[in-house]
Amino acid sequence: MNTEHASDPTPPDTLMDGSSFNAAPGDDAWLESLLMRDAAQQPHIADGGFSARVIGALPRPSASVSRWLVPAMGVLGGVLALDVTPAGRYFAASFVGLFDLHHLSLANLWVLVPIGVMYICSFGAVRQR
């Protein structure tokens, strides 16, 4: 048993100030509380309204790009790659050949599983953003 940390009163999952660093991803409450405490300890520096003028002069945030733009550009890039490159043409011909009823087999259809998983994960990631 390692006894060098036995006299340490802080549990291993907390910081010295008692806050936990095992917070959920995106939960910055601990950081916000540290910043607020630090700001309360610092004296206010009068700047004659300079900060307010700078903030007021900044441009307004632009409208965010629509969610459909990223997947649409991905599809467009894929179609262009299939049409322009020789490897793309071979891939397209092989993909269409998967659905040829004369050569239909379960082994040929297993190729579609990783493709489907990739598309499901891609669209799931876009929806979360």
N, C-alpha and C. Protein backbone atom coordinates (compact mmCIF):
# COMPACT_ATOMS: atom_id res chain seq x y z
N MET A 1 0.83 -1.17 0.00
CA MET A 1 0.00 0.00 0.00
C MET A 1 0.88 1.24 0.00
N ASN A 2 0.58 2.17 -0.84
CA ASN A 2 1.34 3.40 -0.95
C ASN A 2 0.84 4.39 0.09
N THR A 3 1.71 4.79 1.03
CA THR A 3 1.28 5.66 2.13
C THR A 3 1.72 7.10 1.95
N GLU A 4 2.39 7.43 0.84
CA GLU A 4 2.87 8.80 0.70
C GLU A 4 1.74 9.80 0.54
N HIS A 5 0.57 9.37 0.06
CA HIS A 5 -0.58 10.26 -0.10
C HIS A 5 -1.60 10.09 1.02
N ALA A 6 -1.26 9.31 2.03
CA ALA A 6 -2.22 9.03 3.10
C ALA A 6 -2.55 10.28 3.91
N SER A 7 -1.59 11.21 4.06
CA SER A 7 -1.85 12.41 4.86
C SER A 7 -2.52 13.51 4.04
N ASP A 8 -2.71 13.31 2.75
CA ASP A 8 -3.34 14.31 1.88
C ASP A 8 -4.84 14.35 2.16
N PRO A 9 -5.38 15.50 2.64
CA PRO A 9 -6.80 15.56 2.99
C PRO A 9 -7.71 15.70 1.78
N THR A 10 -7.16 16.04 0.61
CA THR A 10 -8.03 16.23 -0.57
C THR A 10 -8.24 14.89 -1.27
N PRO A 11 -9.48 14.55 -1.57
CA PRO A 11 -9.72 13.33 -2.34
C PRO A 11 -9.06 13.45 -3.72
N PRO A 12 -8.69 12.33 -4.33
CA PRO A 12 -7.96 12.39 -5.60
C PRO A 12 -8.77 12.96 -6.76
N ASP A 13 -10.09 13.05 -6.65
CA ASP A 13 -10.88 13.55 -7.78
C ASP A 13 -11.28 15.01 -7.60
N THR A 14 -10.66 15.74 -6.65
CA THR A 14 -10.97 17.15 -6.49
C THR A 14 -9.68 17.97 -6.57
N LEU A 15 -9.85 19.24 -6.96
CA LEU A 15 -8.73 20.15 -7.00
C LEU A 15 -8.49 20.72 -5.61
N MET A 16 -7.44 21.49 -5.45
CA MET A 16 -7.11 22.04 -4.12
C MET A 16 -8.20 22.96 -3.60
N ASP A 17 -8.94 23.63 -4.49
CA ASP A 17 -10.00 24.53 -4.02
C ASP A 17 -11.31 23.79 -3.74
N GLY A 18 -11.31 22.46 -3.88
CA GLY A 18 -12.50 21.67 -3.58
C GLY A 18 -13.37 21.42 -4.78
N SER A 19 -13.08 22.06 -5.93
CA SER A 19 -13.89 21.82 -7.12
C SER A 19 -13.43 20.54 -7.80
N SER A 20 -14.33 19.96 -8.56
CA SER A 20 -14.04 18.70 -9.21
C SER A 20 -13.57 18.93 -10.63
N PHE A 21 -12.54 18.21 -11.04
CA PHE A 21 -12.10 18.29 -12.43
C PHE A 21 -12.73 17.18 -13.26
N ASN A 22 -13.61 16.39 -12.68
CA ASN A 22 -14.30 15.33 -13.40
C ASN A 22 -15.68 15.79 -13.85
N ALA A 23 -15.84 17.06 -14.15
CA ALA A 23 -17.13 17.59 -14.57
C ALA A 23 -17.46 17.06 -15.95
N ALA A 24 -18.74 17.11 -16.28
CA ALA A 24 -19.18 16.65 -17.60
C ALA A 24 -18.58 17.54 -18.68
N PRO A 25 -18.33 16.98 -19.88
CA PRO A 25 -17.80 17.79 -20.97
C PRO A 25 -18.73 18.96 -21.26
N GLY A 26 -18.15 20.14 -21.39
CA GLY A 26 -18.95 21.33 -21.65
C GLY A 26 -19.43 22.02 -20.40
N ASP A 27 -19.20 21.41 -19.24
CA ASP A 27 -19.62 22.02 -17.98
C ASP A 27 -18.46 22.84 -17.45
N ASP A 28 -18.50 24.14 -17.70
CA ASP A 28 -17.42 25.03 -17.30
C ASP A 28 -17.79 25.85 -16.07
N ALA A 29 -18.71 25.36 -15.27
CA ALA A 29 -19.13 26.11 -14.09
C ALA A 29 -17.96 26.28 -13.12
N TRP A 30 -17.12 25.29 -13.00
CA TRP A 30 -15.99 25.39 -12.09
C TRP A 30 -15.02 26.48 -12.56
N LEU A 31 -14.80 26.56 -13.86
CA LEU A 31 -13.91 27.59 -14.39
C LEU A 31 -14.53 28.97 -14.22
N GLU A 32 -15.83 29.05 -14.49
CA GLU A 32 -16.53 30.32 -14.33
C GLU A 32 -16.47 30.79 -12.88
N SER A 33 -16.62 29.89 -11.92
CA SER A 33 -16.56 30.29 -10.51
C SER A 33 -15.16 30.77 -10.14
N LEU A 34 -14.13 30.12 -10.66
CA LEU A 34 -12.76 30.58 -10.39
C LEU A 34 -12.51 31.95 -10.99
N LEU A 35 -12.99 32.19 -12.19
CA LEU A 35 -12.80 33.49 -12.83
C LEU A 35 -13.56 34.59 -12.09
N MET A 36 -14.79 34.29 -11.65
CA MET A 36 -15.58 35.27 -10.91
C MET A 36 -14.91 35.60 -9.58
N ARG A 37 -14.39 34.59 -8.90
CA ARG A 37 -13.72 34.82 -7.61
C ARG A 37 -12.47 35.68 -7.82
N ASP A 38 -11.71 35.39 -8.89
CA ASP A 38 -10.52 36.17 -9.18
C ASP A 38 -10.88 37.61 -9.54
N ALA A 39 -11.96 37.79 -10.33
CA ALA A 39 -12.39 39.14 -10.71
C ALA A 39 -12.85 39.94 -9.50
N ALA A 40 -13.46 39.27 -8.51
CA ALA A 40 -13.92 39.96 -7.31
C ALA A 40 -12.75 40.43 -6.46
N GLN A 41 -11.61 39.73 -6.54
CA GLN A 41 -10.44 40.08 -5.75
C GLN A 41 -9.62 41.19 -6.40
N GLN A 42 -9.78 41.40 -7.70
CA GLN A 42 -8.99 42.40 -8.41
C GLN A 42 -9.67 43.76 -8.33
N PRO A 43 -8.89 44.83 -8.20
CA PRO A 43 -9.49 46.17 -8.18
C PRO A 43 -9.97 46.55 -9.58
N HIS A 44 -11.03 47.35 -9.65
CA HIS A 44 -11.57 47.80 -10.93
C HIS A 44 -10.65 48.88 -11.50
N ILE A 45 -10.33 48.79 -12.77
CA ILE A 45 -9.48 49.77 -13.43
C ILE A 45 -10.38 50.60 -14.34
N ALA A 46 -10.51 51.86 -14.05
CA ALA A 46 -11.35 52.75 -14.87
C ALA A 46 -10.64 53.02 -16.19
N ASP A 47 -11.38 52.84 -17.28
CA ASP A 47 -10.79 53.07 -18.60
C ASP A 47 -11.50 54.16 -19.38
N GLY A 48 -12.36 54.90 -18.72
CA GLY A 48 -13.03 56.01 -19.37
C GLY A 48 -13.97 55.58 -20.48
N GLY A 49 -14.54 54.39 -20.40
CA GLY A 49 -15.48 53.92 -21.42
C GLY A 49 -14.81 53.30 -22.64
N PHE A 50 -13.49 53.11 -22.58
CA PHE A 50 -12.77 52.55 -23.73
C PHE A 50 -13.27 51.15 -24.08
N SER A 51 -13.43 50.30 -23.08
CA SER A 51 -13.88 48.92 -23.34
C SER A 51 -15.25 48.90 -23.98
N ALA A 52 -16.16 49.74 -23.50
CA ALA A 52 -17.51 49.79 -24.07
C ALA A 52 -17.48 50.27 -25.52
N ARG A 53 -16.60 51.24 -25.84
CA ARG A 53 -16.50 51.71 -27.23
C ARG A 53 -15.95 50.63 -28.13
N VAL A 54 -14.96 49.87 -27.65
CA VAL A 54 -14.38 48.79 -28.47
C VAL A 54 -15.42 47.71 -28.73
N ILE A 55 -16.12 47.29 -27.68
CA ILE A 55 -17.15 46.27 -27.84
C ILE A 55 -18.25 46.76 -28.78
N GLY A 56 -18.63 48.03 -28.67
CA GLY A 56 -19.67 48.59 -29.54
C GLY A 56 -19.23 48.70 -30.98
N ALA A 57 -17.92 48.82 -31.23
CA ALA A 57 -17.42 48.96 -32.60
C ALA A 57 -17.22 47.62 -33.30
N LEU A 58 -17.26 46.54 -32.55
CA LEU A 58 -17.09 45.22 -33.17
C LEU A 58 -18.26 44.89 -34.07
N PRO A 59 -18.02 44.19 -35.20
CA PRO A 59 -19.14 43.83 -36.08
C PRO A 59 -20.04 42.80 -35.41
N ARG A 60 -21.30 42.84 -35.79
CA ARG A 60 -22.27 41.88 -35.26
C ARG A 60 -21.91 40.49 -35.77
N PRO A 61 -22.20 39.46 -34.98
CA PRO A 61 -21.92 38.09 -35.45
C PRO A 61 -22.74 37.79 -36.70
N SER A 62 -22.10 37.12 -37.64
CA SER A 62 -22.80 36.76 -38.87
C SER A 62 -23.71 35.56 -38.62
N ALA A 63 -24.68 35.41 -39.49
CA ALA A 63 -25.60 34.26 -39.37
C ALA A 63 -24.81 32.98 -39.57
N SER A 64 -25.14 31.97 -38.80
CA SER A 64 -24.42 30.70 -38.92
C SER A 64 -24.80 30.00 -40.22
N VAL A 65 -23.88 29.21 -40.70
CA VAL A 65 -24.11 28.46 -41.92
C VAL A 65 -25.17 27.40 -41.66
N SER A 66 -26.04 27.21 -42.60
CA SER A 66 -27.10 26.21 -42.44
C SER A 66 -26.51 24.82 -42.22
N ARG A 67 -27.23 24.02 -41.48
CA ARG A 67 -26.75 22.67 -41.16
C ARG A 67 -26.65 21.77 -42.38
N TRP A 68 -27.40 22.07 -43.41
CA TRP A 68 -27.39 21.20 -44.58
C TRP A 68 -26.20 21.46 -45.47
N LEU A 69 -25.49 22.57 -45.29
CA LEU A 69 -24.41 22.94 -46.19
C LEU A 69 -23.23 21.96 -46.12
N VAL A 70 -22.83 21.55 -44.93
CA VAL A 70 -21.69 20.65 -44.79
C VAL A 70 -21.97 19.28 -45.42
N PRO A 71 -23.10 18.62 -45.11
CA PRO A 71 -23.36 17.35 -45.78
C PRO A 71 -23.54 17.51 -47.29
N ALA A 72 -24.16 18.62 -47.72
CA ALA A 72 -24.35 18.82 -49.16
C ALA A 72 -23.01 18.96 -49.88
N MET A 73 -22.09 19.69 -49.30
CA MET A 73 -20.77 19.84 -49.92
C MET A 73 -20.00 18.52 -49.88
N GLY A 74 -20.21 17.72 -48.85
CA GLY A 74 -19.58 16.39 -48.81
C GLY A 74 -20.10 15.50 -49.92
N VAL A 75 -21.42 15.53 -50.14
CA VAL A 75 -22.01 14.73 -51.22
C VAL A 75 -21.51 15.25 -52.56
N LEU A 76 -21.48 16.57 -52.75
CA LEU A 76 -21.00 17.14 -54.00
C LEU A 76 -19.54 16.75 -54.27
N GLY A 77 -18.70 16.83 -53.25
CA GLY A 77 -17.31 16.42 -53.39
C GLY A 77 -17.18 14.95 -53.74
N GLY A 78 -18.01 14.12 -53.10
CA GLY A 78 -17.98 12.68 -53.41
C GLY A 78 -18.39 12.38 -54.84
N VAL A 79 -19.44 13.07 -55.30
CA VAL A 79 -19.90 12.87 -56.68
C VAL A 79 -18.83 13.32 -57.66
N LEU A 80 -18.20 14.46 -57.39
CA LEU A 80 -17.13 14.93 -58.28
C LEU A 80 -15.95 13.95 -58.28
N ALA A 81 -15.60 13.41 -57.12
CA ALA A 81 -14.51 12.44 -57.06
C ALA A 81 -14.86 11.17 -57.82
N LEU A 82 -16.11 10.76 -57.75
CA LEU A 82 -16.52 9.57 -58.49
C LEU A 82 -16.47 9.80 -59.99
N ASP A 83 -16.78 11.01 -60.42
CA ASP A 83 -16.85 11.30 -61.84
C ASP A 83 -15.49 11.63 -62.44
N VAL A 84 -14.63 12.30 -61.69
CA VAL A 84 -13.40 12.83 -62.25
C VAL A 84 -12.25 11.82 -62.21
N THR A 85 -12.12 11.06 -61.14
CA THR A 85 -10.97 10.18 -60.99
C THR A 85 -11.25 8.78 -61.53
N PRO A 86 -10.23 8.13 -62.06
CA PRO A 86 -10.42 6.74 -62.53
C PRO A 86 -10.79 5.80 -61.38
N ALA A 87 -10.20 6.01 -60.21
CA ALA A 87 -10.54 5.15 -59.07
C ALA A 87 -12.00 5.36 -58.68
N GLY A 88 -12.49 6.59 -58.81
CA GLY A 88 -13.88 6.87 -58.50
C GLY A 88 -14.82 6.16 -59.46
N ARG A 89 -14.46 6.17 -60.73
CA ARG A 89 -15.29 5.47 -61.72
C ARG A 89 -15.31 3.96 -61.44
N TYR A 90 -14.14 3.39 -61.07
CA TYR A 90 -14.08 1.98 -60.74
C TYR A 90 -14.94 1.68 -59.51
N PHE A 91 -14.85 2.56 -58.49
CA PHE A 91 -15.65 2.38 -57.28
C PHE A 91 -17.14 2.45 -57.61
N ALA A 92 -17.53 3.42 -58.44
CA ALA A 92 -18.94 3.56 -58.79
C ALA A 92 -19.43 2.32 -59.54
N ALA A 93 -18.62 1.82 -60.47
CA ALA A 93 -19.01 0.62 -61.22
C ALA A 93 -19.12 -0.59 -60.29
N SER A 94 -18.18 -0.71 -59.37
CA SER A 94 -18.22 -1.83 -58.42
C SER A 94 -19.42 -1.72 -57.48
N PHE A 95 -19.73 -0.51 -57.07
CA PHE A 95 -20.88 -0.29 -56.18
C PHE A 95 -22.18 -0.65 -56.88
N VAL A 96 -22.32 -0.24 -58.13
CA VAL A 96 -23.52 -0.59 -58.91
C VAL A 96 -23.56 -2.10 -59.14
N GLY A 97 -22.38 -2.70 -59.32
CA GLY A 97 -22.32 -4.15 -59.51
C GLY A 97 -22.76 -4.94 -58.29
N LEU A 98 -22.73 -4.32 -57.12
CA LEU A 98 -23.20 -5.00 -55.91
C LEU A 98 -24.68 -5.36 -56.02
N PHE A 99 -25.43 -4.56 -56.76
CA PHE A 99 -26.87 -4.75 -56.85
C PHE A 99 -27.29 -5.53 -58.09
N ASP A 100 -26.31 -6.07 -58.82
CA ASP A 100 -26.62 -6.91 -59.97
C ASP A 100 -27.22 -8.22 -59.46
N LEU A 101 -28.42 -8.51 -59.88
CA LEU A 101 -29.12 -9.69 -59.38
C LEU A 101 -28.45 -11.00 -59.76
N HIS A 102 -27.66 -11.00 -60.83
CA HIS A 102 -26.97 -12.23 -61.22
C HIS A 102 -25.85 -12.59 -60.25
N HIS A 103 -25.28 -11.61 -59.61
CA HIS A 103 -24.16 -11.84 -58.69
C HIS A 103 -24.51 -11.48 -57.25
N LEU A 104 -25.78 -11.43 -56.94
CA LEU A 104 -26.21 -11.03 -55.61
C LEU A 104 -25.87 -12.12 -54.60
N SER A 105 -25.14 -11.75 -53.57
CA SER A 105 -24.82 -12.69 -52.49
C SER A 105 -24.68 -11.90 -51.19
N LEU A 106 -24.75 -12.59 -50.10
CA LEU A 106 -24.62 -11.95 -48.79
C LEU A 106 -23.23 -11.35 -48.61
N ALA A 107 -22.21 -12.03 -49.16
CA ALA A 107 -20.84 -11.51 -49.03
C ALA A 107 -20.70 -10.16 -49.74
N ASN A 108 -21.36 -9.99 -50.87
CA ASN A 108 -21.29 -8.71 -51.58
C ASN A 108 -22.03 -7.61 -50.81
N LEU A 109 -23.10 -7.97 -50.14
CA LEU A 109 -23.87 -6.96 -49.42
C LEU A 109 -23.19 -6.51 -48.12
N TRP A 110 -22.26 -7.31 -47.58
CA TRP A 110 -21.56 -6.92 -46.36
C TRP A 110 -20.71 -5.67 -46.58
N VAL A 111 -20.37 -5.37 -47.82
CA VAL A 111 -19.61 -4.16 -48.12
C VAL A 111 -20.41 -2.92 -47.76
N LEU A 112 -21.73 -3.02 -47.81
CA LEU A 112 -22.58 -1.87 -47.52
C LEU A 112 -22.64 -1.52 -46.03
N VAL A 113 -22.29 -2.45 -45.16
CA VAL A 113 -22.37 -2.21 -43.72
C VAL A 113 -21.45 -1.07 -43.28
N PRO A 114 -20.13 -1.10 -43.60
CA PRO A 114 -19.30 0.02 -43.16
C PRO A 114 -19.69 1.35 -43.81
N ILE A 115 -20.18 1.30 -45.03
CA ILE A 115 -20.64 2.53 -45.70
C ILE A 115 -21.84 3.10 -44.95
N GLY A 116 -22.78 2.26 -44.59
CA GLY A 116 -23.96 2.70 -43.85
C GLY A 116 -23.59 3.25 -42.48
N VAL A 117 -22.67 2.57 -41.79
CA VAL A 117 -22.24 3.03 -40.47
C VAL A 117 -21.58 4.41 -40.58
N MET A 118 -20.76 4.60 -41.62
CA MET A 118 -20.10 5.89 -41.82
C MET A 118 -21.13 7.00 -42.02
N TYR A 119 -22.13 6.75 -42.85
CA TYR A 119 -23.14 7.78 -43.10
C TYR A 119 -23.99 8.06 -41.85
N ILE A 120 -24.34 7.04 -41.11
CA ILE A 120 -25.12 7.23 -39.88
C ILE A 120 -24.33 8.05 -38.88
N CYS A 121 -23.04 7.74 -38.71
CA CYS A 121 -22.20 8.51 -37.77
C CYS A 121 -22.01 9.95 -38.25
N SER A 122 -21.84 10.14 -39.54
CA SER A 122 -21.64 11.49 -40.08
C SER A 122 -22.87 12.36 -39.84
N PHE A 123 -24.04 11.84 -40.16
CA PHE A 123 -25.25 12.63 -39.98
C PHE A 123 -25.58 12.82 -38.50
N GLY A 124 -25.22 11.84 -37.67
CA GLY A 124 -25.40 12.01 -36.23
C GLY A 124 -24.51 13.12 -35.69
N ALA A 125 -23.26 13.19 -36.17
CA ALA A 125 -22.34 14.24 -35.73
C ALA A 125 -22.82 15.61 -36.18
N VAL A 126 -23.38 15.70 -37.37
CA VAL A 126 -23.89 16.98 -37.86
C VAL A 126 -25.09 17.43 -37.04
N ARG A 127 -25.95 16.49 -36.66
CA ARG A 127 -27.14 16.86 -35.86
C ARG A 127 -26.76 17.35 -34.49
N GLN A 128 -25.67 16.82 -33.89
CA GLN A 128 -25.25 17.25 -32.56
C GLN A 128 -24.68 18.65 -32.57
N ARG A 129 -24.11 19.05 -33.67
CA ARG A 129 -23.50 20.37 -33.77
C ARG A 129 -24.56 21.35 -33.91
